[in-house]
Amino acid sequence: AGTDDAPTVVKQLQGMKLSDMFAQNGRLREDGRMVHDMFLVQVKKPAESQYPWDYYKVLATIPGDQAFKPLAKSTCRHVKAG
């Protein structure tokens, strides 16, 4: 955004796809909620781990739109109803 003006930064963030090691396929909704994919994981048995920090087996990916409350049900006072 080239600025530290909060409304300008938020507007730019809301137009971006956000993905990193913590959140994949993320986006910042108009109510300020970061919506991103979530993972259903199972802890691996020690024999299944192949390298340090290899603890989880991903069983399913839950899309952000299913994992978080829909925007239409947001109670954020800044979101216009309807």
C-alpha atoms as a PDB file:
ATOM      1  CA  ALA A   1       0.000   0.000   0.000  1.00  0.00           C
ATOM      2  CA  GLY A   2       3.003   2.286   0.472  1.00  0.00           C
ATOM      3  CA  THR A   3       1.439   3.883   3.552  1.00  0.00           C
ATOM      4  CA  ASP A   4       0.613   3.197   7.182  1.00  0.00           C
ATOM      5  CA  ASP A   5      -2.876   4.699   6.812  1.00  0.00           C
ATOM      6  CA  ALA A   6      -5.081   1.919   8.245  1.00  0.00           C
ATOM      7  CA  PRO A   7      -8.095   2.287   5.910  1.00  0.00           C
ATOM      8  CA  THR A   8      -5.799   2.248   2.869  1.00  0.00           C
ATOM      9  CA  VAL A   9      -3.900  -0.800   4.114  1.00  0.00           C
ATOM     10  CA  VAL A  10      -7.117  -2.687   4.951  1.00  0.00           C
ATOM     11  CA  LYS A  11      -8.575  -1.922   1.528  1.00  0.00           C
ATOM     12  CA  GLN A  12      -5.449  -3.295  -0.156  1.00  0.00           C
ATOM     13  CA  LEU A  13      -5.398  -6.393   2.070  1.00  0.00           C
ATOM     14  CA  GLN A  14      -9.059  -7.086   1.277  1.00  0.00           C
ATOM     15  CA  GLY A  15      -8.179  -7.236  -2.401  1.00  0.00           C
ATOM     16  CA  MET A  16      -5.322  -9.706  -1.952  1.00  0.00           C
ATOM     17  CA  LYS A  17      -5.163 -13.481  -1.787  1.00  0.00           C
ATOM     18  CA  LEU A  18      -3.215 -14.308   1.366  1.00  0.00           C
ATOM     19  CA  SER A  19      -1.239 -17.541   1.624  1.00  0.00           C
ATOM     20  CA  ASP A  20       1.693 -18.413   3.835  1.00  0.00           C
ATOM     21  CA  MET A  21       2.772 -21.240   6.131  1.00  0.00           C
ATOM     22  CA  PHE A  22       0.002 -20.379   8.617  1.00  0.00           C
ATOM     23  CA  ALA A  23      -2.947 -19.754   6.309  1.00  0.00           C
ATOM     24  CA  GLN A  24      -3.576 -21.051   2.809  1.00  0.00           C
ATOM     25  CA  ASN A  25      -6.085 -19.602   0.338  1.00  0.00           C
ATOM     26  CA  GLY A  26      -6.825 -16.742   2.712  1.00  0.00           C
ATOM     27  CA  ARG A  27      -8.641 -13.481   2.254  1.00  0.00           C
ATOM     28  CA  LEU A  28      -9.612 -10.634   4.539  1.00  0.00           C
ATOM     29  CA  ARG A  29     -13.378 -10.134   4.484  1.00  0.00           C
ATOM     30  CA  GLU A  30     -15.110  -6.790   4.851  1.00  0.00           C
ATOM     31  CA  ASP A  31     -15.954  -7.642   8.487  1.00  0.00           C
ATOM     32  CA  GLY A  32     -12.226  -8.007   9.177  1.00  0.00           C
ATOM     33  CA  ARG A  33     -12.281 -11.792   9.535  1.00  0.00           C
ATOM     34  CA  MET A  34      -9.386 -13.658   7.966  1.00  0.00           C
ATOM     35  CA  VAL A  35     -10.995 -16.593   6.138  1.00  0.00           C
ATOM     36  CA  HIS A  36      -8.669 -19.398   5.090  1.00  0.00           C
ATOM     37  CA  ASP A  37      -8.549 -23.142   4.630  1.00  0.00           C
ATOM     38  CA  MET A  38      -8.420 -25.278   7.764  1.00  0.00           C
ATOM     39  CA  PHE A  39      -7.032 -28.770   8.074  1.00  0.00           C
ATOM     40  CA  LEU A  40      -8.290 -31.883   9.801  1.00  0.00           C
ATOM     41  CA  VAL A  41      -5.139 -33.659  10.938  1.00  0.00           C
ATOM     42  CA  GLN A  42      -4.165 -36.811  12.745  1.00  0.00           C
ATOM     43  CA  VAL A  43      -1.041 -37.112  14.858  1.00  0.00           C
ATOM     44  CA  LYS A  44       1.343 -39.588  13.262  1.00  0.00           C
ATOM     45  CA  LYS A  45       2.675 -42.614  15.077  1.00  0.00           C
ATOM     46  CA  PRO A  46       6.398 -42.227  15.831  1.00  0.00           C
ATOM     47  CA  ALA A  47       7.234 -44.787  13.139  1.00  0.00           C
ATOM     48  CA  GLU A  48       5.365 -42.721  10.523  1.00  0.00           C
ATOM     49  CA  SER A  49       7.424 -39.564  11.107  1.00  0.00           C
ATOM     50  CA  GLN A  50      10.207 -39.288   8.542  1.00  0.00           C
ATOM     51  CA  TYR A  51      11.964 -36.084   9.641  1.00  0.00           C
ATOM     52  CA  PRO A  52      11.966 -33.569  12.533  1.00  0.00           C
ATOM     53  CA  TRP A  53       8.603 -31.824  13.032  1.00  0.00           C
ATOM     54  CA  ASP A  54       6.825 -34.420  10.842  1.00  0.00           C
ATOM     55  CA  TYR A  55       3.979 -34.921  13.317  1.00  0.00           C
ATOM     56  CA  TYR A  56       0.711 -34.649  11.384  1.00  0.00           C
ATOM     57  CA  LYS A  57      -1.082 -36.431   8.581  1.00  0.00           C
ATOM     58  CA  VAL A  58      -3.596 -34.172   6.789  1.00  0.00           C
ATOM     59  CA  LEU A  59      -6.886 -36.069   6.514  1.00  0.00           C
ATOM     60  CA  ALA A  60      -8.956 -33.306   4.931  1.00  0.00           C
ATOM     61  CA  THR A  61      -8.818 -29.680   3.840  1.00  0.00           C
ATOM     62  CA  ILE A  62     -11.850 -27.621   4.851  1.00  0.00           C
ATOM     63  CA  PRO A  63     -12.348 -24.602   2.565  1.00  0.00           C
ATOM     64  CA  GLY A  64     -12.435 -21.286   4.402  1.00  0.00           C
ATOM     65  CA  ASP A  65     -16.005 -20.551   3.326  1.00  0.00           C
ATOM     66  CA  GLN A  66     -17.092 -23.734   5.123  1.00  0.00           C
ATOM     67  CA  ALA A  67     -14.775 -23.373   8.127  1.00  0.00           C
ATOM     68  CA  PHE A  68     -15.845 -19.847   9.127  1.00  0.00           C
ATOM     69  CA  LYS A  69     -19.176 -18.161   9.818  1.00  0.00           C
ATOM     70  CA  PRO A  70     -20.687 -16.754   6.608  1.00  0.00           C
ATOM     71  CA  LEU A  71     -20.463 -13.002   6.089  1.00  0.00           C
ATOM     72  CA  ALA A  72     -24.279 -12.868   6.009  1.00  0.00           C
ATOM     73  CA  LYS A  73     -24.299 -14.048   9.647  1.00  0.00           C
ATOM     74  CA  SER A  74     -21.611 -11.633  10.801  1.00  0.00           C
ATOM     75  CA  THR A  75     -22.468  -9.564  13.857  1.00  0.00           C
ATOM     76  CA  CYS A  76     -19.858  -6.947  12.959  1.00  0.00           C
ATOM     77  CA  ARG A  77     -21.478  -3.530  13.247  1.00  0.00           C
ATOM     78  CA  HIS A  78     -19.464  -2.283  10.276  1.00  0.00           C
ATOM     79  CA  VAL A  79     -21.001  -4.778   7.845  1.00  0.00           C
ATOM     80  CA  LYS A  80     -24.151  -3.523   6.184  1.00  0.00           C
ATOM     81  CA  ALA A  81     -27.062  -5.930   6.475  1.00  0.00           C
ATOM     82  CA  GLY A  82     -28.551  -7.347   3.300  1.00  0.00           C
END
